[in-house]
Amino acid sequence: LCNSLVIGMVLQPVIQTYCGATGANAAPIVALVTIFVLGSAAVTPAASPFAAILHGNREWFTRKEVYKYTSMYVIIETIIVMLVGIPLANILV
């Protein structure tokens, strides 16, 4: 979570290479990892510049609200991608 936005983007070619070597379909895996990493980048202020701005805005949100809502968003988003996105990607590809 330290810098998840950059790490997520760097790991995409690694995932693609691994999936190519094993014969797995890389599209749903890359989509799930990308969405999870980009969503979780909002949780901690060091993870992305957008999260730093969100955590620095004391007039609109408290730190507790930021952690609460961004964590809840990441969990809901991951569940939706796993239940809807991956099967849909496997059907379309």
Protein backbone atom coordinates (compact mmCIF):
# COMPACT_ATOMS: atom_id res chain seq x y z
CA LEU A 1 0.00 0.00 0.00
CA CYS A 2 3.00 2.26 0.28
CA ASN A 3 2.85 3.34 -3.34
CA SER A 4 0.25 1.02 -4.79
CA LEU A 5 -0.64 3.15 -7.81
CA VAL A 6 2.85 2.94 -9.29
CA ILE A 7 3.43 -0.68 -8.25
CA GLY A 8 0.15 -1.72 -9.88
CA MET A 9 1.15 -0.16 -13.16
CA VAL A 10 4.64 -1.68 -13.04
CA LEU A 11 3.29 -5.18 -12.32
CA GLN A 12 1.00 -5.33 -15.37
CA PRO A 13 3.74 -6.53 -17.76
CA VAL A 14 4.85 -9.09 -15.16
CA ILE A 15 1.31 -10.47 -14.91
CA GLN A 16 1.02 -10.57 -18.70
CA THR A 17 4.31 -12.46 -19.03
CA TYR A 18 3.39 -14.95 -16.33
CA CYS A 19 -0.07 -15.58 -17.83
CA GLY A 20 1.47 -16.03 -21.27
CA ALA A 21 3.91 -18.63 -19.93
CA THR A 22 1.20 -20.58 -18.11
CA GLY A 23 -1.46 -20.27 -20.79
CA ALA A 24 -3.89 -18.39 -18.54
CA ASN A 25 -6.15 -15.62 -19.82
CA ALA A 26 -4.45 -12.41 -18.68
CA ALA A 27 -7.33 -9.97 -19.31
CA PRO A 28 -9.43 -10.74 -16.21
CA ILE A 29 -6.39 -11.01 -13.96
CA VAL A 30 -4.93 -7.70 -15.12
CA ALA A 31 -8.35 -6.04 -14.82
CA LEU A 32 -8.85 -7.30 -11.28
CA VAL A 33 -5.37 -6.31 -10.15
CA THR A 34 -5.60 -2.89 -11.80
CA ILE A 35 -8.99 -2.06 -10.32
CA PHE A 36 -7.97 -3.30 -6.88
CA VAL A 37 -4.68 -1.40 -6.92
CA LEU A 38 -6.21 1.84 -8.16
CA GLY A 39 -9.04 1.59 -5.65
CA SER A 40 -6.76 0.78 -2.76
CA ALA A 41 -4.48 3.67 -3.69
CA ALA A 42 -7.04 6.01 -2.13
CA VAL A 43 -6.79 4.37 1.29
CA THR A 44 -3.40 5.65 2.43
CA PRO A 45 -1.99 9.12 1.76
CA ALA A 46 1.35 7.75 0.52
CA ALA A 47 -0.27 5.51 -2.09
CA SER A 48 -1.15 8.19 -4.63
CA PRO A 49 -1.24 11.97 -5.02
CA PHE A 50 -5.04 11.86 -5.10
CA ALA A 51 -5.15 10.15 -1.71
CA ALA A 52 -2.77 12.73 -0.29
CA ILE A 53 -5.14 15.50 -1.37
CA LEU A 54 -8.10 13.57 0.05
CA HIS A 55 -6.38 13.05 3.40
CA GLY A 56 -5.19 16.66 3.49
CA ASN A 57 -8.69 18.11 3.11
CA ARG A 58 -9.71 18.57 6.75
CA GLU A 59 -12.69 20.81 5.99
CA TRP A 60 -14.78 18.15 4.26
CA PHE A 61 -13.60 14.81 5.69
CA THR A 62 -12.10 13.49 8.87
CA ARG A 63 -9.27 10.97 8.61
CA LYS A 64 -11.57 8.28 10.05
CA GLU A 65 -14.18 8.90 7.33
CA VAL A 66 -11.56 8.66 4.58
CA TYR A 67 -10.32 5.28 5.85
CA LYS A 68 -13.85 4.02 6.41
CA TYR A 69 -15.27 4.90 3.01
CA THR A 70 -12.23 4.14 0.88
CA SER A 71 -11.77 0.72 2.52
CA MET A 72 -15.45 -0.06 2.06
CA TYR A 73 -15.21 1.02 -1.59
CA VAL A 74 -12.22 -1.26 -2.22
CA ILE A 75 -14.00 -4.26 -0.71
CA ILE A 76 -17.24 -3.68 -2.65
CA GLU A 77 -15.35 -2.97 -5.85
CA THR A 78 -13.28 -6.15 -5.55
CA ILE A 79 -16.37 -8.28 -4.93
CA ILE A 80 -18.17 -6.81 -7.95
CA VAL A 81 -15.16 -7.33 -10.20
CA MET A 82 -14.76 -10.93 -9.04
CA LEU A 83 -18.46 -11.80 -9.41
CA VAL A 84 -19.26 -9.84 -12.57
CA GLY A 85 -16.08 -8.64 -14.25
CA ILE A 86 -14.01 -11.80 -14.42
CA PRO A 87 -16.81 -14.06 -15.72
CA LEU A 88 -17.80 -11.40 -18.25
CA ALA A 89 -14.19 -11.02 -19.40
CA ASN A 90 -13.87 -14.79 -19.81
CA ILE A 91 -17.06 -14.90 -21.90
CA LEU A 92 -16.02 -12.02 -24.16
CA VAL A 93 -12.40 -13.08 -24.71
